[in-house]
Amino acid sequence: MPDDPPVVVTRDAMVATVEFNNPPYNALGLGLIDQLEAVVEEVAEDKTLRAMVLRGGGGQHFSVGADIREFGRAASERGIRPFIEQRHRLIRRIETMPKPVVCAIRGSCIGGGMEVALGCHFRVAATDAKIGLPEIDLGVVPAWGGTQRLTRAIGRARALEVMLLAKKLTAQEAEAFGLVTEVCDPEALDGRAATLAHTLAKKAPIAVAGVLEAVVRGGEETLSRGLEREFAALERASTSKDLQEGVMAFLQKRPPNFTGE
């Protein structure tokens, strides 16, 4: 339907599920990226939300990436650099969000779709997933951060194999490379991703944000700087009510009830 929003957001307790609404292939067109950027910012700033699931609508594919038909128009109307910088900004916002983001991958997860997935903290894949950066076969390079994030995720040799041979990894290969957290049957995918997100949402928010910052931002810096970030995260957590709750729950042998204070 023409009036359908390009991104659909649903909430379940402390978890937001964000869905590309451009089935069956969920090409990431200009309008979809514009709305996705706004939605991600809203989720990041909403203190009642503690985790996010990102998935493709239609039940067949996560995303085949950029809408090639729009590329030339975007370059002429917005300029190629602003076009790329917006996507860099979006994926970086996902990557540095102070709450976990779980990506549910089924079917095709290629090109820009894979680059968005690489910005997520967890990736759960269905057995029918095909994951890759095949831009080389179009005569271009991955330009939404894929060359950098894929190399950091699976190493230089494997990343070059995927990109230069335009190889589409199976879910099992992606799991063996350490690219995905878990592989499951397609019909179980949404449930597995939601379960993981809800499990993460029950953790202490201040500590979760500290781990994410230390790992994501600290992992890009020197070891000494990363250790400084780790200690700063510890200092923030050590004065929280959540620490007191965690200790009391441990002593009383009950599940903790973290409030993010």
Protein backbone atom coordinates (compact mmCIF):
# COMPACT_ATOMS: atom_id res chain seq x y z
CA MET A 1 0.00 0.00 0.00
CA PRO A 2 1.39 3.42 -0.96
CA ASP A 3 0.41 4.91 2.40
CA ASP A 4 2.14 2.20 4.42
CA PRO A 5 5.08 3.55 6.46
CA PRO A 6 8.50 2.40 5.21
CA VAL A 7 9.48 1.43 8.76
CA VAL A 8 7.14 -0.22 11.27
CA VAL A 9 7.85 -0.07 15.00
CA THR A 10 6.20 -2.28 17.61
CA ARG A 11 6.82 -2.39 21.34
CA ASP A 12 6.71 -5.31 23.74
CA ALA A 13 7.58 -4.31 27.29
CA MET A 14 11.14 -2.93 27.17
CA VAL A 15 11.91 -4.10 23.60
CA ALA A 16 11.25 -2.21 20.36
CA THR A 17 11.04 -4.20 17.13
CA VAL A 18 11.91 -2.14 14.07
CA GLU A 19 10.92 -3.64 10.73
CA PHE A 20 11.78 -2.62 7.18
CA ASN A 21 8.41 -2.39 5.43
CA ASN A 22 9.35 -2.75 1.79
CA PRO A 23 8.75 -6.45 1.06
CA PRO A 24 9.63 -8.79 -0.38
CA TYR A 25 13.24 -7.62 -0.75
CA ASN A 26 13.22 -4.64 1.62
CA ALA A 27 15.40 -2.44 -0.57
CA LEU A 28 16.69 0.48 1.47
CA GLY A 29 15.27 3.41 -0.44
CA LEU A 30 15.65 7.08 0.42
CA GLY A 31 12.39 7.36 2.35
CA LEU A 32 13.07 4.20 4.31
CA ILE A 33 16.54 5.37 5.35
CA ASP A 34 15.18 8.79 6.35
CA GLN A 35 12.55 7.23 8.60
CA LEU A 36 14.89 4.55 9.95
CA GLU A 37 17.34 7.22 11.06
CA ALA A 38 14.56 9.00 12.98
CA VAL A 39 13.27 5.77 14.52
CA VAL A 40 16.71 4.65 15.68
CA GLU A 41 17.23 8.02 17.36
CA GLU A 42 13.86 7.74 19.13
CA VAL A 43 14.67 4.23 20.40
CA ALA A 44 18.11 5.32 21.57
CA GLU A 45 16.66 8.21 23.57
CA ASP A 46 13.62 6.40 25.01
CA LYS A 47 14.54 5.46 28.58
CA THR A 48 11.66 2.97 28.78
CA LEU A 49 13.26 0.85 26.05
CA ARG A 50 16.28 -1.30 26.82
CA ALA A 51 16.80 -3.33 23.64
CA MET A 52 15.91 -3.29 19.97
CA VAL A 53 15.28 -5.94 17.30
CA LEU A 54 15.87 -5.05 13.64
CA ARG A 55 14.32 -7.24 10.97
CA GLY A 56 12.96 -7.27 7.43
CA GLY A 57 9.23 -7.27 6.75
CA GLY A 58 7.39 -9.77 4.58
CA GLY A 59 8.95 -12.91 6.05
CA GLN A 60 11.32 -13.61 3.13
CA HIS A 61 14.37 -11.32 3.20
CA PHE A 62 16.18 -9.02 5.59
CA SER A 63 17.32 -6.58 2.90
CA VAL A 64 19.01 -6.60 -0.49
CA GLY A 65 20.52 -3.18 0.28
CA ALA A 66 20.28 0.07 -1.60
CA ASP A 67 17.57 0.62 -4.18
CA ILE A 68 19.81 0.79 -7.27
CA ARG A 69 17.13 2.67 -9.19
CA GLU A 70 17.35 5.54 -6.72
CA PHE A 71 21.13 5.75 -6.63
CA GLY A 72 21.56 8.06 -9.62
CA ARG A 73 18.71 10.31 -8.49
CA ALA A 74 20.14 10.50 -4.99
CA ALA A 75 23.56 11.41 -6.30
CA SER A 76 22.15 14.22 -8.43
CA GLU A 77 19.62 15.56 -5.89
CA ARG A 78 21.52 15.18 -2.62
CA GLY A 79 25.06 14.65 -3.81
CA ILE A 80 26.90 11.37 -3.40
CA ARG A 81 28.78 12.42 -0.25
CA PRO A 82 25.67 13.46 1.76
CA PHE A 83 23.97 10.26 0.54
CA ILE A 84 26.81 8.11 1.90
CA GLU A 85 27.34 10.19 5.04
CA GLN A 86 23.71 9.72 6.06
CA ARG A 87 24.14 5.95 5.91
CA HIS A 88 27.40 6.16 7.82
CA ARG A 89 25.63 8.26 10.46
CA LEU A 90 22.70 5.84 10.71
CA ILE A 91 24.81 2.71 11.09
CA ARG A 92 27.12 4.43 13.54
CA ARG A 93 24.12 5.44 15.65
CA ILE A 94 22.99 1.80 15.77
CA GLU A 95 26.51 0.65 16.58
CA THR A 96 27.02 3.14 19.43
CA MET A 97 23.52 2.88 20.90
CA PRO A 98 23.73 2.42 24.70
CA LYS A 99 21.33 -0.52 24.50
CA PRO A 100 21.72 -3.83 22.63
CA VAL A 101 20.49 -4.18 19.06
CA VAL A 102 19.65 -7.67 17.77
CA CYS A 103 19.47 -8.20 14.02
CA ALA A 104 17.18 -11.01 12.76
CA ILE A 105 18.45 -12.18 9.36
CA ARG A 106 16.47 -14.32 6.94
CA GLY A 107 16.87 -14.72 3.20
CA SER A 108 19.02 -12.12 1.48
CA CYS A 109 21.17 -9.87 3.66
CA ILE A 110 23.44 -8.31 1.10
CA GLY A 111 25.03 -5.00 0.18
CA GLY A 112 23.71 -2.14 2.27
CA GLY A 113 21.49 -4.60 4.13
CA MET A 114 24.53 -6.44 5.38
CA GLU A 115 26.24 -3.16 6.23
CA VAL A 116 23.30 -2.18 8.43
CA ALA A 117 23.41 -5.64 10.04
CA LEU A 118 27.13 -5.19 10.74
CA GLY A 119 26.28 -2.18 12.90
CA CYS A 120 24.11 -4.35 15.19
CA HIS A 121 25.53 -5.92 18.34
CA PHE A 122 23.98 -9.36 17.81
CA ARG A 123 23.05 -11.16 14.60
CA VAL A 124 20.74 -14.18 14.62
CA ALA A 125 20.38 -15.89 11.23
CA ALA A 126 17.86 -18.30 9.77
CA THR A 127 19.20 -21.33 7.94
CA ASP A 128 18.03 -19.84 4.63
CA ALA A 129 20.12 -16.66 5.04
CA LYS A 130 22.55 -15.52 2.35
CA ILE A 131 24.94 -12.86 3.60
CA GLY A 132 27.41 -10.89 1.50
CA LEU A 133 28.78 -7.71 -0.02
CA PRO A 134 28.59 -8.34 -3.79
CA GLU A 135 29.10 -4.72 -4.90
CA ILE A 136 32.23 -5.70 -6.84
CA ASP A 137 29.99 -7.33 -9.46
CA LEU A 138 28.36 -3.93 -10.06
CA GLY A 139 31.75 -2.30 -10.50
CA VAL A 140 31.66 -0.43 -7.19
CA VAL A 141 32.83 -0.96 -3.62
CA PRO A 142 30.84 -1.39 -0.39
CA ALA A 143 30.56 2.18 0.84
CA TRP A 144 28.33 2.13 3.92
CA GLY A 145 31.19 0.98 6.13
CA GLY A 146 31.22 -2.64 5.01
CA THR A 147 34.90 -2.79 4.09
CA GLN A 148 35.83 -1.71 7.60
CA ARG A 149 33.27 -3.49 9.78
CA LEU A 150 33.41 -6.82 7.96
CA THR A 151 37.21 -6.85 8.19
CA ARG A 152 37.03 -6.13 11.92
CA ALA A 153 34.38 -8.81 12.38
CA ILE A 154 35.94 -11.76 10.51
CA GLY A 155 39.51 -10.75 9.66
CA ARG A 156 41.21 -9.47 6.54
CA ALA A 157 41.55 -12.71 4.57
CA ARG A 158 37.95 -13.78 5.01
CA ALA A 159 36.64 -10.26 4.36
CA LEU A 160 38.56 -10.02 1.10
CA GLU A 161 37.24 -13.43 0.08
CA VAL A 162 33.66 -12.29 0.68
CA MET A 163 34.03 -8.92 -1.03
CA LEU A 164 36.37 -9.62 -3.96
CA LEU A 165 34.66 -12.88 -4.92
CA ALA A 166 31.19 -11.45 -4.26
CA LYS A 167 30.62 -14.50 -2.09
CA LYS A 168 27.30 -14.98 -0.33
CA LEU A 169 27.86 -16.77 2.95
CA THR A 170 25.40 -19.35 4.18
CA ALA A 171 24.16 -18.97 7.75
CA GLN A 172 26.40 -21.84 8.79
CA GLU A 173 29.47 -20.24 7.18
CA ALA A 174 28.65 -16.91 8.81
CA GLU A 175 28.40 -18.64 12.19
CA ALA A 176 31.73 -20.41 11.66
CA PHE A 177 33.33 -17.05 10.80
CA GLY A 178 31.94 -15.52 14.00
CA LEU A 179 29.70 -13.16 12.03
CA VAL A 180 26.41 -14.37 13.51
CA THR A 181 25.57 -15.30 17.09
CA GLU A 182 23.12 -18.11 16.40
CA VAL A 183 21.54 -20.04 13.53
CA CYS A 184 17.97 -21.33 13.73
CA ASP A 185 15.12 -22.53 11.52
CA PRO A 186 13.35 -19.71 9.64
CA GLU A 187 10.09 -20.20 11.52
CA ALA A 188 11.94 -19.82 14.84
CA LEU A 189 13.90 -16.70 13.88
CA ASP A 190 11.62 -13.95 15.17
CA GLY A 191 11.07 -15.79 18.44
CA ARG A 192 14.80 -16.40 18.99
CA ALA A 193 15.67 -12.76 18.25
CA ALA A 194 12.89 -11.53 20.56
CA THR A 195 13.96 -13.90 23.35
CA LEU A 196 17.54 -12.66 23.12
CA ALA A 197 16.40 -9.02 23.16
CA HIS A 198 14.14 -9.55 26.17
CA THR A 199 16.92 -11.36 28.01
CA LEU A 200 19.26 -8.44 27.37
CA ALA A 201 16.57 -5.93 28.37
CA LYS A 202 16.45 -7.46 31.87
CA LYS A 203 20.15 -6.72 32.48
CA ALA A 204 21.29 -3.63 34.38
CA PRO A 205 21.02 -0.75 31.84
CA ILE A 206 23.95 1.28 33.21
CA ALA A 207 26.24 -1.74 33.15
CA VAL A 208 25.01 -2.77 29.70
CA ALA A 209 25.70 0.70 28.32
CA GLY A 210 29.14 0.60 29.93
CA VAL A 211 30.04 -2.72 28.34
CA LEU A 212 28.80 -1.56 24.94
CA GLU A 213 30.81 1.66 25.11
CA ALA A 214 33.96 -0.09 26.32
CA VAL A 215 33.74 -2.75 23.62
CA VAL A 216 32.52 -0.66 20.65
CA ARG A 217 34.35 2.61 21.21
CA GLY A 218 37.23 1.15 23.21
CA GLY A 219 37.79 -1.51 20.57
CA GLU A 220 38.55 1.23 18.05
CA GLU A 221 41.23 2.81 20.27
CA THR A 222 44.49 1.87 21.92
CA LEU A 223 44.44 -0.66 24.75
CA SER A 224 45.24 2.02 27.32
CA ARG A 225 42.38 4.22 26.12
CA GLY A 226 40.05 1.25 26.07
CA LEU A 227 40.99 0.44 29.66
CA GLU A 228 40.17 4.03 30.61
CA ARG A 229 36.71 3.62 29.10
CA GLU A 230 36.28 0.35 30.97
CA PHE A 231 37.18 1.98 34.29
CA ALA A 232 34.87 4.92 33.61
CA ALA A 233 32.05 2.44 32.98
CA LEU A 234 32.86 0.71 36.26
CA GLU A 235 32.76 4.01 38.15
CA ARG A 236 29.30 4.82 36.75
CA ALA A 237 27.97 1.37 37.62
CA SER A 238 29.54 1.28 41.08
CA THR A 239 27.42 4.21 42.31
CA SER A 240 24.15 2.90 40.88
CA LYS A 241 21.13 1.51 42.70
CA ASP A 242 21.30 -1.36 40.24
CA LEU A 243 24.57 -2.52 41.81
CA GLN A 244 22.88 -2.61 45.21
CA GLU A 245 19.95 -4.51 43.71
CA GLY A 246 22.27 -6.97 41.98
CA VAL A 247 24.14 -7.72 45.20
CA MET A 248 20.93 -8.11 47.24
CA ALA A 249 19.39 -10.38 44.59
CA PHE A 250 22.52 -12.53 44.61
CA LEU A 251 22.49 -12.84 48.41
CA GLN A 252 18.76 -13.53 48.48
CA LYS A 253 19.04 -16.03 45.61
CA ARG A 254 16.41 -14.31 43.46
CA PRO A 255 16.38 -12.71 40.00
CA PRO A 256 17.39 -9.03 40.10
CA ASN A 257 14.96 -6.27 39.18
CA PHE A 258 17.11 -3.56 37.61
CA THR A 259 15.65 -0.09 37.19
CA GLY A 260 18.47 1.71 35.40
CA GLU A 261 19.16 3.98 38.39
